Amino acid sequence: MPDAPVLSPSGKSTKKIALDQDAFGERFHESLVHQSVRAEQAARRRGTASTKTRAQVSGGGSKPWRQKGTGRARAGSNRSPLWTGGGTVFGPQPRSYTFKVNRKEQRAALRSALSLHAQRGSLAILDAAAFSKPKTIDADDLLADWTQPRPTLVVVAAEESAAALSFRNIARVAVLTPESVGVADLLGAASLLVSEPALAALTERAARPALKAAPAAAEAAPAAKAKRAGKSASAGKSGPAAQDAEPTQRHEPAPEAA
């Protein structure tokens, strides 16, 4: 089972925490990771690039010169795309670049990125409770004693503001909450430092969805089937078909007297 050391502001690893095998023991899915990174980067695009067509450019109300007799090429508007200052043909327009990635694929890509850090040994647990107040020098000493390469991604919970303020002003160190961490952020970091509450949140995000209670449904299915069969049988006995099935008495006419 993968594990990670716990780092305190003193920089010494006091203990190790066992990581979740499901979230941090996944093999690397290259295609899913590539798809998720593309989706995250595309979602960050503003999509505000805009150009004007010949219908949107001002001017061009009159013909530049008469059609014949000047010896020049004919022209109908000085806002033609062929002219300087004219409209743009097939230029970019404001649009959204986002595309959908299935939730199961997103979780698998997140597990792959987390497992990559666990396999490389570039993952450590931050003792965020030791930061009673923001102090950048303690955070810088902690990273220096850890001896892991940068850039470093520090993931802390929203309530751990003292630790977040301590790390955010250090060069090549990014601080994020577990809800905003993406696959691109994990792959772009050479080392990963996570607090214990943030680790629980990341593990929950990366976990596989729980399976439905199949045994209970299997037990309930025969009972429901028997109940439906009983209803259909009772309906058959009291229906019109049952009345037709009952024997009817026929009254034979009496013989005529001779």
Protein backbone atom coordinates (compact mmCIF):
# COMPACT_ATOMS: atom_id res chain seq x y z
CA MET A 1 0.00 0.00 0.00
CA PRO A 2 1.43 3.45 -0.90
CA ASP A 3 2.32 5.84 1.89
CA ALA A 4 3.58 9.42 2.28
CA PRO A 5 5.66 11.17 4.96
CA VAL A 6 4.18 13.85 7.19
CA LEU A 7 6.12 17.13 7.16
CA SER A 8 6.00 19.69 9.96
CA PRO A 9 7.33 23.28 9.85
CA SER A 10 10.58 21.97 11.29
CA GLY A 11 11.09 20.11 8.01
CA LYS A 12 11.54 16.68 9.58
CA SER A 13 9.35 13.75 8.66
CA THR A 14 7.74 12.65 11.92
CA LYS A 15 5.62 9.77 10.63
CA LYS A 16 4.06 8.22 7.54
CA ILE A 17 0.41 8.00 6.53
CA ALA A 18 -0.94 5.12 4.48
CA LEU A 19 -2.64 6.27 1.31
CA ASP A 20 -5.80 4.83 -0.19
CA GLN A 21 -4.91 2.00 -2.54
CA ASP A 22 -7.83 2.75 -4.85
CA ALA A 23 -6.96 6.43 -5.33
CA PHE A 24 -3.14 6.25 -5.19
CA GLY A 25 -2.48 2.79 -6.63
CA GLU A 26 -3.96 3.27 -10.10
CA ARG A 27 -1.96 2.57 -13.24
CA PHE A 28 -1.33 5.50 -15.58
CA HIS A 29 -4.05 5.93 -18.23
CA GLU A 30 -2.33 8.09 -20.81
CA SER A 31 -5.31 8.61 -23.12
CA LEU A 32 -7.68 9.57 -20.29
CA VAL A 33 -5.12 11.94 -18.78
CA HIS A 34 -4.52 13.58 -22.16
CA GLN A 35 -8.26 14.01 -22.73
CA SER A 36 -8.82 15.51 -19.26
CA VAL A 37 -5.91 17.93 -19.60
CA ARG A 38 -7.20 19.10 -22.98
CA ALA A 39 -10.68 19.62 -21.52
CA GLU A 40 -9.34 21.61 -18.55
CA GLN A 41 -7.15 23.83 -20.71
CA ALA A 42 -9.95 24.38 -23.21
CA ALA A 43 -12.33 25.38 -20.40
CA ARG A 44 -9.84 28.05 -19.27
CA ARG A 45 -9.95 29.80 -22.64
CA ARG A 46 -11.92 33.02 -22.68
CA GLY A 47 -13.12 32.56 -26.24
CA THR A 48 -13.48 36.33 -26.76
CA ALA A 49 -11.50 36.65 -30.02
CA SER A 50 -13.69 38.51 -32.51
CA THR A 51 -13.31 39.92 -36.02
CA LYS A 52 -15.62 41.99 -38.21
CA THR A 53 -17.01 40.81 -41.50
CA ARG A 54 -17.56 43.15 -44.44
CA ALA A 55 -21.11 43.70 -43.21
CA GLN A 56 -19.87 44.94 -39.81
CA VAL A 57 -17.05 47.23 -40.97
CA SER A 58 -18.09 50.86 -41.27
CA GLY A 59 -17.97 52.53 -44.67
CA GLY A 60 -18.37 51.10 -48.11
CA GLY A 61 -21.64 52.83 -48.83
CA SER A 62 -20.81 54.04 -52.32
CA LYS A 63 -18.97 52.53 -55.23
CA PRO A 64 -15.30 53.66 -55.20
CA TRP A 65 -15.37 54.51 -58.92
CA ARG A 66 -17.55 53.90 -61.91
CA GLN A 67 -17.74 50.46 -63.45
CA LYS A 68 -16.25 51.24 -66.86
CA GLY A 69 -13.97 53.73 -68.48
CA THR A 70 -11.28 54.20 -65.83
CA GLY A 71 -8.98 51.36 -66.85
CA ARG A 72 -8.93 50.07 -63.29
CA ALA A 73 -10.29 46.85 -61.92
CA ARG A 74 -13.96 47.03 -61.08
CA ALA A 75 -14.77 47.53 -57.40
CA GLY A 76 -18.09 47.72 -55.63
CA SER A 77 -17.02 48.51 -52.05
CA ASN A 78 -13.92 49.67 -50.26
CA ARG A 79 -14.78 47.26 -47.40
CA SER A 80 -14.19 44.17 -49.48
CA PRO A 81 -11.91 41.59 -47.83
CA LEU A 82 -9.44 42.27 -50.66
CA TRP A 83 -8.99 45.87 -49.53
CA THR A 84 -6.93 47.21 -46.65
CA GLY A 85 -9.32 47.99 -43.83
CA GLY A 86 -11.95 45.68 -45.26
CA GLY A 87 -13.79 42.87 -43.58
CA THR A 88 -12.30 39.54 -42.49
CA VAL A 89 -13.33 36.28 -44.09
CA PHE A 90 -13.88 33.32 -41.75
CA GLY A 91 -12.28 35.14 -38.81
CA PRO A 92 -12.66 34.02 -35.18
CA GLN A 93 -15.92 34.77 -33.38
CA PRO A 94 -16.70 34.58 -29.65
CA ARG A 95 -17.45 30.99 -28.70
CA SER A 96 -16.97 28.38 -26.00
CA TYR A 97 -14.15 25.86 -26.37
CA THR A 98 -15.36 23.50 -23.64
CA PHE A 99 -16.17 19.87 -24.35
CA LYS A 100 -17.49 17.14 -22.11
CA VAL A 101 -15.49 14.39 -20.44
CA ASN A 102 -17.37 11.62 -18.68
CA ARG A 103 -17.22 11.66 -14.88
CA LYS A 104 -15.77 8.14 -14.69
CA GLU A 105 -13.02 9.15 -17.10
CA GLN A 106 -12.30 12.31 -15.08
CA ARG A 107 -11.98 10.27 -11.89
CA ALA A 108 -9.72 7.74 -13.58
CA ALA A 109 -7.46 10.54 -14.88
CA LEU A 110 -7.34 12.12 -11.41
CA ARG A 111 -6.38 8.76 -9.87
CA SER A 112 -3.65 8.36 -12.48
CA ALA A 113 -2.14 11.76 -11.67
CA LEU A 114 -2.27 11.18 -7.90
CA SER A 115 -0.80 7.68 -8.27
CA LEU A 116 2.04 9.06 -10.37
CA HIS A 117 3.15 11.29 -7.48
CA ALA A 118 2.77 8.43 -5.01
CA GLN A 119 4.93 6.13 -7.15
CA ARG A 120 7.65 8.75 -7.62
CA GLY A 121 7.78 9.62 -3.94
CA SER A 122 7.05 13.27 -4.69
CA LEU A 123 3.99 13.33 -2.41
CA ALA A 124 4.03 14.41 1.23
CA ILE A 125 1.45 15.26 3.87
CA LEU A 126 1.53 18.75 5.37
CA ASP A 127 0.90 19.28 9.06
CA ALA A 128 -1.14 22.44 8.48
CA ALA A 129 -2.22 22.65 12.13
CA ALA A 130 1.35 23.61 13.03
CA PHE A 131 0.88 26.94 11.22
CA SER A 132 -0.91 28.96 13.89
CA LYS A 133 -0.30 32.14 11.92
CA PRO A 134 1.03 32.92 8.42
CA LYS A 135 4.81 32.70 8.32
CA THR A 136 6.50 32.40 4.94
CA ILE A 137 9.98 31.68 6.31
CA ASP A 138 8.74 28.50 8.02
CA ALA A 139 7.08 27.35 4.83
CA ASP A 140 10.22 28.08 2.80
CA ASP A 141 12.39 26.15 5.27
CA LEU A 142 9.98 23.20 5.13
CA LEU A 143 10.28 22.99 1.34
CA ALA A 144 14.05 23.41 1.48
CA ASP A 145 14.42 20.53 3.97
CA TRP A 146 12.08 18.34 1.92
CA THR A 147 14.57 18.54 -1.00
CA GLN A 148 11.94 17.88 -3.66
CA PRO A 149 12.15 19.71 -7.00
CA ARG A 150 9.87 22.55 -7.91
CA PRO A 151 7.31 23.64 -9.07
CA THR A 152 5.39 22.49 -6.03
CA LEU A 153 1.64 22.27 -5.66
CA VAL A 154 0.32 22.82 -2.12
CA VAL A 155 -3.25 21.65 -1.53
CA VAL A 156 -4.91 22.83 1.67
CA ALA A 157 -8.52 23.08 2.81
CA ALA A 158 -10.35 26.39 2.79
CA GLU A 159 -10.25 26.66 6.58
CA GLU A 160 -6.45 26.25 6.67
CA SER A 161 -5.84 29.87 5.71
CA ALA A 162 -2.68 30.29 7.80
CA ALA A 163 -0.88 27.54 5.88
CA ALA A 164 -2.18 28.84 2.55
CA LEU A 165 -0.93 32.37 3.26
CA SER A 166 2.44 30.97 4.32
CA PHE A 167 3.06 29.19 1.00
CA ARG A 168 1.39 31.46 -1.55
CA ASN A 169 4.21 34.02 -1.76
CA ILE A 170 7.02 31.52 -2.46
CA ALA A 171 8.44 31.33 -5.98
CA ARG A 172 7.28 28.38 -8.11
CA VAL A 173 4.76 27.28 -5.48
CA ALA A 174 1.03 27.20 -6.21
CA VAL A 175 -1.64 26.91 -3.52
CA LEU A 176 -5.05 25.43 -4.33
CA THR A 177 -8.04 23.97 -2.54
CA PRO A 178 -8.90 20.30 -3.14
CA GLU A 179 -12.07 21.28 -5.02
CA SER A 180 -10.14 23.33 -7.60
CA VAL A 181 -7.28 20.89 -8.23
CA GLY A 182 -7.26 19.52 -11.76
CA VAL A 183 -5.31 16.88 -13.61
CA ALA A 184 -3.29 19.55 -15.42
CA ASP A 185 -2.29 21.09 -12.07
CA LEU A 186 -1.08 17.74 -10.75
CA LEU A 187 0.89 16.91 -13.88
CA GLY A 188 2.43 20.39 -14.02
CA ALA A 189 3.82 20.07 -10.50
CA ALA A 190 7.06 18.21 -9.82
CA SER A 191 6.10 17.71 -6.16
CA LEU A 192 2.82 17.62 -4.28
CA LEU A 193 2.21 18.72 -0.68
CA VAL A 194 -1.26 17.98 0.73
CA SER A 195 -2.78 18.58 4.14
CA GLU A 196 -4.76 15.80 5.83
CA PRO A 197 -8.23 17.35 5.28
CA ALA A 198 -7.32 18.07 1.67
CA LEU A 199 -6.06 14.50 1.27
CA ALA A 200 -9.43 13.15 2.42
CA ALA A 201 -11.24 15.44 -0.02
CA LEU A 202 -8.98 14.43 -2.94
CA THR A 203 -9.42 10.75 -2.09
CA GLU A 204 -13.19 11.19 -2.10
CA ARG A 205 -13.08 13.00 -5.45
CA ALA A 206 -10.92 10.30 -7.04
CA ALA A 207 -12.77 7.32 -5.56
CA ARG A 208 -14.76 5.04 -7.81
CA PRO A 209 -18.55 5.43 -7.53
CA ALA A 210 -20.12 3.04 -5.05
CA LEU A 211 -21.96 0.10 -6.56
CA LYS A 212 -25.68 -0.22 -5.98
CA ALA A 213 -27.01 -2.79 -3.55
CA ALA A 214 -27.44 -5.64 -6.02
CA PRO A 215 -28.24 -8.42 -3.47
CA ALA A 216 -31.16 -6.52 -1.97
CA ALA A 217 -32.59 -5.89 -5.42
CA ALA A 218 -32.15 -9.55 -6.34
CA GLU A 219 -34.05 -10.64 -3.23
CA ALA A 220 -36.86 -8.18 -3.86
CA ALA A 221 -37.28 -9.22 -7.50
CA PRO A 222 -38.78 -12.73 -6.89
CA ALA A 223 -41.20 -11.35 -4.28
CA ALA A 224 -42.39 -8.65 -6.66
CA LYS A 225 -42.74 -11.18 -9.45
CA ALA A 226 -44.82 -13.50 -7.26
CA LYS A 227 -46.99 -10.57 -6.17
CA ARG A 228 -47.65 -9.62 -9.79
CA ALA A 229 -48.47 -13.23 -10.64
CA GLY A 230 -50.97 -13.41 -7.76
CA LYS A 231 -52.66 -10.23 -8.90
CA SER A 232 -52.97 -11.48 -12.47
CA ALA A 233 -54.41 -14.81 -11.28
CA SER A 234 -57.05 -13.14 -9.11
CA ALA A 235 -57.93 -10.78 -11.94
CA GLY A 236 -58.33 -13.75 -14.27
CA LYS A 237 -60.78 -15.49 -11.95
CA SER A 238 -63.02 -12.46 -11.51
CA GLY A 239 -62.88 -11.23 -15.10
CA PRO A 240 -65.26 -11.75 -18.01
CA ALA A 241 -63.32 -14.77 -19.18
CA ALA A 242 -64.06 -16.52 -15.91
CA GLN A 243 -67.78 -15.83 -16.30
CA ASP A 244 -67.74 -17.36 -19.77
CA ALA A 245 -65.93 -20.39 -18.42
CA GLU A 246 -68.68 -21.15 -15.86
CA PRO A 247 -71.16 -23.86 -17.02
CA THR A 248 -74.54 -22.51 -18.01
CA GLN A 249 -77.85 -24.44 -17.60
CA ARG A 250 -79.74 -24.94 -20.85
CA HIS A 251 -83.55 -25.12 -20.69
CA GLU A 252 -84.78 -27.68 -23.18
CA PRO A 253 -88.28 -27.00 -24.54
CA ALA A 254 -90.98 -29.33 -23.23
CA PRO A 255 -92.25 -31.95 -25.69
CA GLU A 256 -95.58 -31.12 -27.30
CA ALA A 257 -98.57 -33.26 -26.33
CA ALA A 258 -99.81 -35.58 -29.05
